[in-house]
Amino acid sequence: MATVSIRDFSFIPGQLTVAAGDTVTWTNDDGTDHTVTADDGSFGSEPFGRGGTFAHTFAQSGTFPYHCDIHPEMRGTVTAG
């Protein structure tokens, strides 16, 4: 399982590589609500606040860019292979 921290209006790390079948968990360590939303709409969270989490399993190989719907300048990429 891999983790991404959301803090200072950033996804850390912004680029993550995992094996196909792995689950990534995002944790909001920021003081405001955020979402995790695939650019292609294939996965996404509702807004969640500090201490909240969102998890997604990347069942297939590929490159999955994502963003925060609330703060679209926040961007990240998961590569599953």
PDB file of N, CA and C in Angstrom:
ATOM      1  N   MET A   1       0.844  -1.187   0.000  1.00  0.00           N
ATOM      2  CA  MET A   1       0.000   0.000   0.000  1.00  0.00           C
ATOM      3  C   MET A   1       0.882   1.241   0.000  1.00  0.00           C
ATOM      4  N   ALA A   2       0.531   2.201  -0.812  1.00  0.00           N
ATOM      5  CA  ALA A   2       1.271   3.455  -0.913  1.00  0.00           C
ATOM      6  C   ALA A   2       0.413   4.578  -0.340  1.00  0.00           C
ATOM      7  N   THR A   3       1.073   5.636   0.113  1.00  0.00           N
ATOM      8  CA  THR A   3       0.349   6.758   0.698  1.00  0.00           C
ATOM      9  C   THR A   3       0.780   8.067   0.056  1.00  0.00           C
ATOM     10  N   VAL A   4      -0.172   8.982  -0.011  1.00  0.00           N
ATOM     11  CA  VAL A   4       0.071  10.340  -0.480  1.00  0.00           C
ATOM     12  C   VAL A   4      -0.479  11.273   0.589  1.00  0.00           C
ATOM     13  N   SER A   5       0.323  12.244   0.984  1.00  0.00           N
ATOM     14  CA  SER A   5      -0.108  13.261   1.937  1.00  0.00           C
ATOM     15  C   SER A   5      -0.588  14.487   1.168  1.00  0.00           C
ATOM     16  N   ILE A   6      -1.671  15.070   1.639  1.00  0.00           N
ATOM     17  CA  ILE A   6      -2.151  16.334   1.080  1.00  0.00           C
ATOM     18  C   ILE A   6      -1.827  17.406   2.109  1.00  0.00           C
ATOM     19  N   ARG A   7      -0.904  18.308   1.746  1.00  0.00           N
ATOM     20  CA  ARG A   7      -0.556  19.394   2.663  1.00  0.00           C
ATOM     21  C   ARG A   7      -0.003  20.571   1.874  1.00  0.00           C
ATOM     22  N   ASP A   8      -0.226  21.749   2.421  1.00  0.00           N
ATOM     23  CA  ASP A   8       0.225  22.987   1.767  1.00  0.00           C
ATOM     24  C   ASP A   8      -0.268  23.063   0.321  1.00  0.00           C
ATOM     25  N   PHE A   9      -1.520  22.630   0.113  1.00  0.00           N
ATOM     26  CA  PHE A   9      -2.148  22.667  -1.206  1.00  0.00           C
ATOM     27  C   PHE A   9      -1.329  21.909  -2.247  1.00  0.00           C
ATOM     28  N   SER A  10      -0.767  20.756  -1.831  1.00  0.00           N
ATOM     29  CA  SER A  10       0.013  19.895  -2.723  1.00  0.00           C
ATOM     30  C   SER A  10      -0.246  18.435  -2.394  1.00  0.00           C
ATOM     31  N   PHE A  11      -0.091  17.572  -3.400  1.00  0.00           N
ATOM     32  CA  PHE A  11      -0.060  16.128  -3.202  1.00  0.00           C
ATOM     33  C   PHE A  11       1.407  15.732  -3.071  1.00  0.00           C
ATOM     34  N   ILE A  12       1.757  15.062  -1.967  1.00  0.00           N
ATOM     35  CA  ILE A  12       3.153  14.717  -1.701  1.00  0.00           C
ATOM     36  C   ILE A  12       3.251  13.214  -1.459  1.00  0.00           C
ATOM     37  N   PRO A  13       3.920  12.437  -2.334  1.00  0.00           N
ATOM     38  CA  PRO A  13       4.605  12.910  -3.543  1.00  0.00           C
ATOM     39  C   PRO A  13       3.616  13.197  -4.672  1.00  0.00           C
ATOM     40  N   GLY A  14       4.020  14.068  -5.565  1.00  0.00           N
ATOM     41  CA  GLY A  14       3.175  14.421  -6.702  1.00  0.00           C
ATOM     42  C   GLY A  14       3.165  13.368  -7.789  1.00  0.00           C
ATOM     43  N   GLN A  15       4.235  12.582  -7.859  1.00  0.00           N
ATOM     44  CA  GLN A  15       4.352  11.490  -8.830  1.00  0.00           C
ATOM     45  C   GLN A  15       4.615  10.219  -8.043  1.00  0.00           C
ATOM     46  N   LEU A  16       3.806   9.207  -8.272  1.00  0.00           N
ATOM     47  CA  LEU A  16       3.916   7.966  -7.514  1.00  0.00           C
ATOM     48  C   LEU A  16       3.820   6.785  -8.476  1.00  0.00           C
ATOM     49  N   THR A  17       4.701   5.797  -8.294  1.00  0.00           N
ATOM     50  CA  THR A  17       4.663   4.577  -9.096  1.00  0.00           C
ATOM     51  C   THR A  17       4.349   3.397  -8.187  1.00  0.00           C
ATOM     52  N   VAL A  18       3.347   2.608  -8.581  1.00  0.00           N
ATOM     53  CA  VAL A  18       2.918   1.445  -7.801  1.00  0.00           C
ATOM     54  C   VAL A  18       2.746   0.266  -8.753  1.00  0.00           C
ATOM     55  N   ALA A  19       2.622  -0.919  -8.199  1.00  0.00           N
ATOM     56  CA  ALA A  19       2.312  -2.102  -9.001  1.00  0.00           C
ATOM     57  C   ALA A  19       0.815  -2.131  -9.291  1.00  0.00           C
ATOM     58  N   ALA A  20       0.440  -2.670 -10.440  1.00  0.00           N
ATOM     59  CA  ALA A  20      -0.980  -2.875 -10.723  1.00  0.00           C
ATOM     60  C   ALA A  20      -1.561  -3.751  -9.618  1.00  0.00           C
ATOM     61  N   GLY A  21      -2.714  -3.371  -9.113  1.00  0.00           N
ATOM     62  CA  GLY A  21      -3.340  -4.076  -7.999  1.00  0.00           C
ATOM     63  C   GLY A  21      -3.091  -3.432  -6.656  1.00  0.00           C
ATOM     64  N   ASP A  22      -2.155  -2.479  -6.598  1.00  0.00           N
ATOM     65  CA  ASP A  22      -1.863  -1.787  -5.336  1.00  0.00           C
ATOM     66  C   ASP A  22      -2.938  -0.752  -5.021  1.00  0.00           C
ATOM     67  N   THR A  23      -3.097  -0.485  -3.732  1.00  0.00           N
ATOM     68  CA  THR A  23      -4.008   0.545  -3.252  1.00  0.00           C
ATOM     69  C   THR A  23      -3.203   1.751  -2.810  1.00  0.00           C
ATOM     70  N   VAL A  24      -3.657   2.926  -3.211  1.00  0.00           N
ATOM     71  CA  VAL A  24      -3.060   4.185  -2.768  1.00  0.00           C
ATOM     72  C   VAL A  24      -4.052   4.856  -1.830  1.00  0.00           C
ATOM     73  N   THR A  25      -3.557   5.326  -0.689  1.00  0.00           N
ATOM     74  CA  THR A  25      -4.382   6.056   0.273  1.00  0.00           C
ATOM     75  C   THR A  25      -3.878   7.484   0.377  1.00  0.00           C
ATOM     76  N   TRP A  26      -4.770   8.429   0.163  1.00  0.00           N
ATOM     77  CA  TRP A  26      -4.468   9.843   0.326  1.00  0.00           C
ATOM     78  C   TRP A  26      -4.973  10.271   1.696  1.00  0.00           C
ATOM     79  N   THR A  27      -4.168  11.013   2.446  1.00  0.00           N
ATOM     80  CA  THR A  27      -4.547  11.537   3.756  1.00  0.00           C
ATOM     81  C   THR A  27      -4.473  13.055   3.714  1.00  0.00           C
ATOM     82  N   ASN A  28      -5.548  13.709   4.141  1.00  0.00           N
ATOM     83  CA  ASN A  28      -5.571  15.169   4.157  1.00  0.00           C
ATOM     84  C   ASN A  28      -4.904  15.670   5.437  1.00  0.00           C
ATOM     85  N   ASP A  29      -3.707  16.217   5.286  1.00  0.00           N
ATOM     86  CA  ASP A  29      -2.975  16.815   6.400  1.00  0.00           C
ATOM     87  C   ASP A  29      -3.010  18.334   6.315  1.00  0.00           C
ATOM     88  N   ASP A  30      -3.942  18.857   5.545  1.00  0.00           N
ATOM     89  CA  ASP A  30      -4.074  20.290   5.328  1.00  0.00           C
ATOM     90  C   ASP A  30      -5.224  20.829   6.180  1.00  0.00           C
ATOM     91  N   GLY A  31      -5.352  22.123   6.231  1.00  0.00           N
ATOM     92  CA  GLY A  31      -6.381  22.742   7.054  1.00  0.00           C
ATOM     93  C   GLY A  31      -7.677  23.027   6.328  1.00  0.00           C
ATOM     94  N   THR A  32      -7.810  22.546   5.100  1.00  0.00           N
ATOM     95  CA  THR A  32      -9.008  22.801   4.314  1.00  0.00           C
ATOM     96  C   THR A  32      -9.429  21.527   3.579  1.00  0.00           C
ATOM     97  N   ASP A  33     -10.658  21.501   3.089  1.00  0.00           N
ATOM     98  CA  ASP A  33     -11.153  20.334   2.358  1.00  0.00           C
ATOM     99  C   ASP A  33     -10.482  20.208   0.995  1.00  0.00           C
ATOM    100  N   HIS A  34     -10.322  18.967   0.557  1.00  0.00           N
ATOM    101  CA  HIS A  34      -9.778  18.663  -0.768  1.00  0.00           C
ATOM    102  C   HIS A  34     -10.522  17.465  -1.337  1.00  0.00           C
ATOM    103  N   THR A  35     -10.341  17.234  -2.644  1.00  0.00           N
ATOM    104  CA  THR A  35     -10.800  16.001  -3.277  1.00  0.00           C
ATOM    105  C   THR A  35      -9.609  15.353  -3.977  1.00  0.00           C
ATOM    106  N   VAL A  36      -9.789  14.100  -4.332  1.00  0.00           N
ATOM    107  CA  VAL A  36      -8.859  13.378  -5.204  1.00  0.00           C
ATOM    108  C   VAL A  36      -9.710  12.903  -6.374  1.00  0.00           C
ATOM    109  N   THR A  37      -9.478  13.460  -7.562  1.00  0.00           N
ATOM    110  CA  THR A  37     -10.346  13.204  -8.705  1.00  0.00           C
ATOM    111  C   THR A  37      -9.514  12.899  -9.945  1.00  0.00           C
ATOM    112  N   ALA A  38      -9.704  11.729 -10.526  1.00  0.00           N
ATOM    113  CA  ALA A  38      -8.999  11.379 -11.764  1.00  0.00           C
ATOM    114  C   ALA A  38      -9.406  12.338 -12.872  1.00  0.00           C
ATOM    115  N   ASP A  39      -8.433  12.747 -13.682  1.00  0.00           N
ATOM    116  CA  ASP A  39      -8.737  13.645 -14.794  1.00  0.00           C
ATOM    117  C   ASP A  39      -9.761  13.036 -15.739  1.00  0.00           C
ATOM    118  N   ASP A  40      -9.743  11.701 -15.900  1.00  0.00           N
ATOM    119  CA  ASP A  40     -10.686  11.042 -16.807  1.00  0.00           C
ATOM    120  C   ASP A  40     -11.971  10.592 -16.109  1.00  0.00           C
ATOM    121  N   GLY A  41     -12.111  10.923 -14.812  1.00  0.00           N
ATOM    122  CA  GLY A  41     -13.319  10.580 -14.069  1.00  0.00           C
ATOM    123  C   GLY A  41     -13.407   9.137 -13.613  1.00  0.00           C
ATOM    124  N   SER A  42     -12.332   8.368 -13.762  1.00  0.00           N
ATOM    125  CA  SER A  42     -12.380   6.938 -13.427  1.00  0.00           C
ATOM    126  C   SER A  42     -12.400   6.666 -11.928  1.00  0.00           C
ATOM    127  N   PHE A  43     -11.980   7.620 -11.120  1.00  0.00           N
ATOM    128  CA  PHE A  43     -12.100   7.503  -9.669  1.00  0.00           C
ATOM    129  C   PHE A  43     -12.191   8.904  -9.093  1.00  0.00           C
ATOM    130  N   GLY A  44     -12.723   8.992  -7.882  1.00  0.00           N
ATOM    131  CA  GLY A  44     -12.822  10.304  -7.262  1.00  0.00           C
ATOM    132  C   GLY A  44     -13.445  10.228  -5.888  1.00  0.00           C
ATOM    133  N   SER A  45     -13.102  11.203  -5.091  1.00  0.00           N
ATOM    134  CA  SER A  45     -13.612  11.286  -3.723  1.00  0.00           C
ATOM    135  C   SER A  45     -14.599  12.440  -3.608  1.00  0.00           C
ATOM    136  N   GLU A  46     -15.370  12.389  -2.562  1.00  0.00           N
ATOM    137  CA  GLU A  46     -16.105  13.560  -2.111  1.00  0.00           C
ATOM    138  C   GLU A  46     -15.093  14.457  -1.391  1.00  0.00           C
ATOM    139  N   PRO A  47     -15.413  15.732  -1.166  1.00  0.00           N
ATOM    140  CA  PRO A  47     -14.500  16.567  -0.380  1.00  0.00           C
ATOM    141  C   PRO A  47     -14.293  15.968   1.010  1.00  0.00           C
ATOM    142  N   PHE A  48     -13.046  15.983   1.476  1.00  0.00           N
ATOM    143  CA  PHE A  48     -12.763  15.492   2.823  1.00  0.00           C
ATOM    144  C   PHE A  48     -11.766  16.415   3.508  1.00  0.00           C
ATOM    145  N   GLY A  49     -11.956  16.562   4.821  1.00  0.00           N
ATOM    146  CA  GLY A  49     -11.189  17.516   5.607  1.00  0.00           C
ATOM    147  C   GLY A  49      -9.974  16.911   6.275  1.00  0.00           C
ATOM    148  N   ARG A  50      -9.354  17.722   7.112  1.00  0.00           N
ATOM    149  CA  ARG A  50      -8.134  17.336   7.822  1.00  0.00           C
ATOM    150  C   ARG A  50      -8.341  16.010   8.550  1.00  0.00           C
ATOM    151  N   GLY A  51      -7.402  15.087   8.344  1.00  0.00           N
ATOM    152  CA  GLY A  51      -7.475  13.777   8.972  1.00  0.00           C
ATOM    153  C   GLY A  51      -8.264  12.758   8.178  1.00  0.00           C
ATOM    154  N   GLY A  52      -9.002  13.215   7.173  1.00  0.00           N
ATOM    155  CA  GLY A  52      -9.774  12.302   6.339  1.00  0.00           C
ATOM    156  C   GLY A  52      -8.890  11.580   5.338  1.00  0.00           C
ATOM    157  N   THR A  53      -9.389  10.454   4.842  1.00  0.00           N
ATOM    158  CA  THR A  53      -8.632   9.670   3.867  1.00  0.00           C
ATOM    159  C   THR A  53      -9.520   9.254   2.705  1.00  0.00           C
ATOM    160  N   PHE A  54      -8.859   8.935   1.603  1.00  0.00           N
ATOM    161  CA  PHE A  54      -9.504   8.352   0.432  1.00  0.00           C
ATOM    162  C   PHE A  54      -8.552   7.302  -0.111  1.00  0.00           C
ATOM    163  N   ALA A  55      -9.079   6.130  -0.454  1.00  0.00           N
ATOM    164  CA  ALA A  55      -8.248   5.051  -0.992  1.00  0.00           C
ATOM    165  C   ALA A  55      -8.805   4.586  -2.329  1.00  0.00           C
ATOM    166  N   HIS A  56      -7.887   4.235  -3.230  1.00  0.00           N
ATOM    167  CA  HIS A  56      -8.277   3.694  -4.533  1.00  0.00           C
ATOM    168  C   HIS A  56      -7.291   2.601  -4.920  1.00  0.00           C
ATOM    169  N   THR A  57      -7.824   1.492  -5.431  1.00  0.00           N
ATOM    170  CA  THR A  57      -6.997   0.388  -5.916  1.00  0.00           C
ATOM    171  C   THR A  57      -6.846   0.505  -7.426  1.00  0.00           C
ATOM    172  N   PHE A  58      -5.599   0.513  -7.884  1.00  0.00           N
ATOM    173  CA  PHE A  58      -5.292   0.630  -9.306  1.00  0.00           C
ATOM    174  C   PHE A  58      -5.183  -0.775  -9.890  1.00  0.00           C
ATOM    175  N   ALA A  59      -6.310  -1.301 -10.344  1.00  0.00           N
ATOM    176  CA  ALA A  59      -6.398  -2.691 -10.788  1.00  0.00           C
ATOM    177  C   ALA A  59      -5.650  -2.936 -12.091  1.00  0.00           C
ATOM    178  N   GLN A  60      -5.539  -1.910 -12.917  1.00  0.00           N
ATOM    179  CA  GLN A  60      -4.904  -2.078 -14.222  1.00  0.00           C
ATOM    180  C   GLN A  60      -3.699  -1.165 -14.352  1.00  0.00           C
ATOM    181  N   SER A  61      -2.778  -1.555 -15.230  1.00  0.00           N
ATOM    182  CA  SER A  61      -1.608  -0.727 -15.516  1.00  0.00           C
ATOM    183  C   SER A  61      -2.027   0.526 -16.269  1.00  0.00           C
ATOM    184  N   GLY A  62      -1.282   1.597 -16.063  1.00  0.00           N
ATOM    185  CA  GLY A  62      -1.546   2.838 -16.781  1.00  0.00           C
ATOM    186  C   GLY A  62      -1.018   4.023 -16.016  1.00  0.00           C
ATOM    187  N   THR A  63      -1.194   5.178 -16.605  1.00  0.00           N
ATOM    188  CA  THR A  63      -0.821   6.444 -15.977  1.00  0.00           C
ATOM    189  C   THR A  63      -2.106   7.198 -15.692  1.00  0.00           C
ATOM    190  N   PHE A  64      -2.266   7.621 -14.440  1.00  0.00           N
ATOM    191  CA  PHE A  64      -3.524   8.193 -13.977  1.00  0.00           C
ATOM    192  C   PHE A  64      -3.285   9.580 -13.377  1.00  0.00           C
ATOM    193  N   PRO A  65      -3.401  10.637 -14.192  1.00  0.00           N
ATOM    194  CA  PRO A  65      -3.303  11.984 -13.641  1.00  0.00           C
ATOM    195  C   PRO A  65      -4.570  12.314 -12.847  1.00  0.00           C
ATOM    196  N   TYR A  66      -4.400  13.082 -11.786  1.00  0.00           N
ATOM    197  CA  TYR A  66      -5.541  13.448 -10.945  1.00  0.00           C
ATOM    198  C   TYR A  66      -5.355  14.866 -10.422  1.00  0.00           C
ATOM    199  N   HIS A  67      -6.404  15.387  -9.808  1.00  0.00           N
ATOM    200  CA  HIS A  67      -6.401  16.766  -9.322  1.00  0.00           C
ATOM    201  C   HIS A  67      -7.386  16.892  -8.161  1.00  0.00           C
ATOM    202  N   CYS A  68      -7.400  18.059  -7.561  1.00  0.00           N
ATOM    203  CA  CYS A  68      -8.407  18.426  -6.554  1.00  0.00           C
ATOM    204  C   CYS A  68      -9.469  19.268  -7.254  1.00  0.00           C
ATOM    205  N   ASP A  69     -10.733  18.856  -7.165  1.00  0.00           N
ATOM    206  CA  ASP A  69     -11.813  19.627  -7.793  1.00  0.00           C
ATOM    207  C   ASP A  69     -11.940  21.027  -7.203  1.00  0.00           C
ATOM    208  N   ILE A  70     -11.646  21.168  -5.924  1.00  0.00           N
ATOM    209  CA  ILE A  70     -11.806  22.454  -5.243  1.00  0.00           C
ATOM    210  C   ILE A  70     -10.656  23.394  -5.593  1.00  0.00           C
ATOM    211  N   HIS A  71      -9.461  22.830  -5.739  1.00  0.00           N
ATOM    212  CA  HIS A  71      -8.242  23.604  -6.029  1.00  0.00           C
ATOM    213  C   HIS A  71      -7.574  22.975  -7.257  1.00  0.00           C
ATOM    214  N   PRO A  72      -8.045  23.288  -8.468  1.00  0.00           N
ATOM    215  CA  PRO A  72      -7.593  22.576  -9.667  1.00  0.00           C
ATOM    216  C   PRO A  72      -6.110  22.724  -9.981  1.00  0.00           C
ATOM    217  N   GLU A  73      -5.448  23.666  -9.342  1.00  0.00           N
ATOM    218  CA  GLU A  73      -3.998  23.787  -9.532  1.00  0.00           C
ATOM    219  C   GLU A  73      -3.239  22.664  -8.824  1.00  0.00           C
ATOM    220  N   MET A  74      -3.913  21.968  -7.916  1.00  0.00           N
ATOM    221  CA  MET A  74      -3.314  20.813  -7.233  1.00  0.00           C
ATOM    222  C   MET A  74      -3.411  19.608  -8.151  1.00  0.00           C
ATOM    223  N   ARG A  75      -2.246  19.063  -8.542  1.00  0.00           N
ATOM    224  CA  ARG A  75      -2.226  17.967  -9.496  1.00  0.00           C
ATOM    225  C   ARG A  75      -1.243  16.901  -9.051  1.00  0.00           C
ATOM    226  N   GLY A  76      -1.517  15.658  -9.444  1.00  0.00           N
ATOM    227  CA  GLY A  76      -0.617  14.544  -9.172  1.00  0.00           C
ATOM    228  C   GLY A  76      -0.811  13.472 -10.227  1.00  0.00           C
ATOM    229  N   THR A  77       0.075  12.475 -10.202  1.00  0.00           N
ATOM    230  CA  THR A  77      -0.003  11.363 -11.148  1.00  0.00           C
ATOM    231  C   THR A  77       0.365  10.072 -10.442  1.00  0.00           C
ATOM    232  N   VAL A  78      -0.446   9.043 -10.656  1.00  0.00           N
ATOM    233  CA  VAL A  78      -0.099   7.686 -10.224  1.00  0.00           C
ATOM    234  C   VAL A  78       0.160   6.869 -11.484  1.00  0.00           C
ATOM    235  N   THR A  79       1.303   6.191 -11.510  1.00  0.00           N
ATOM    236  CA  THR A  79       1.620   5.261 -12.588  1.00  0.00           C
ATOM    237  C   THR A  79       1.578   3.856 -12.006  1.00  0.00           C
ATOM    238  N   ALA A  80       0.705   3.024 -12.550  1.00  0.00           N
ATOM    239  CA  ALA A  80       0.575   1.636 -12.093  1.00  0.00           C
ATOM    240  C   ALA A  80       1.110   0.726 -13.193  1.00  0.00           C
ATOM    241  N   GLY A  81       1.933  -0.241 -12.794  1.00  0.00           N
ATOM    242  CA  GLY A  81       2.514  -1.108 -13.811  1.00  0.00           C
ATOM    243  C   GLY A  81       2.859  -2.475 -13.287  1.00  0.00           C
TER     244      GLY A  81
END
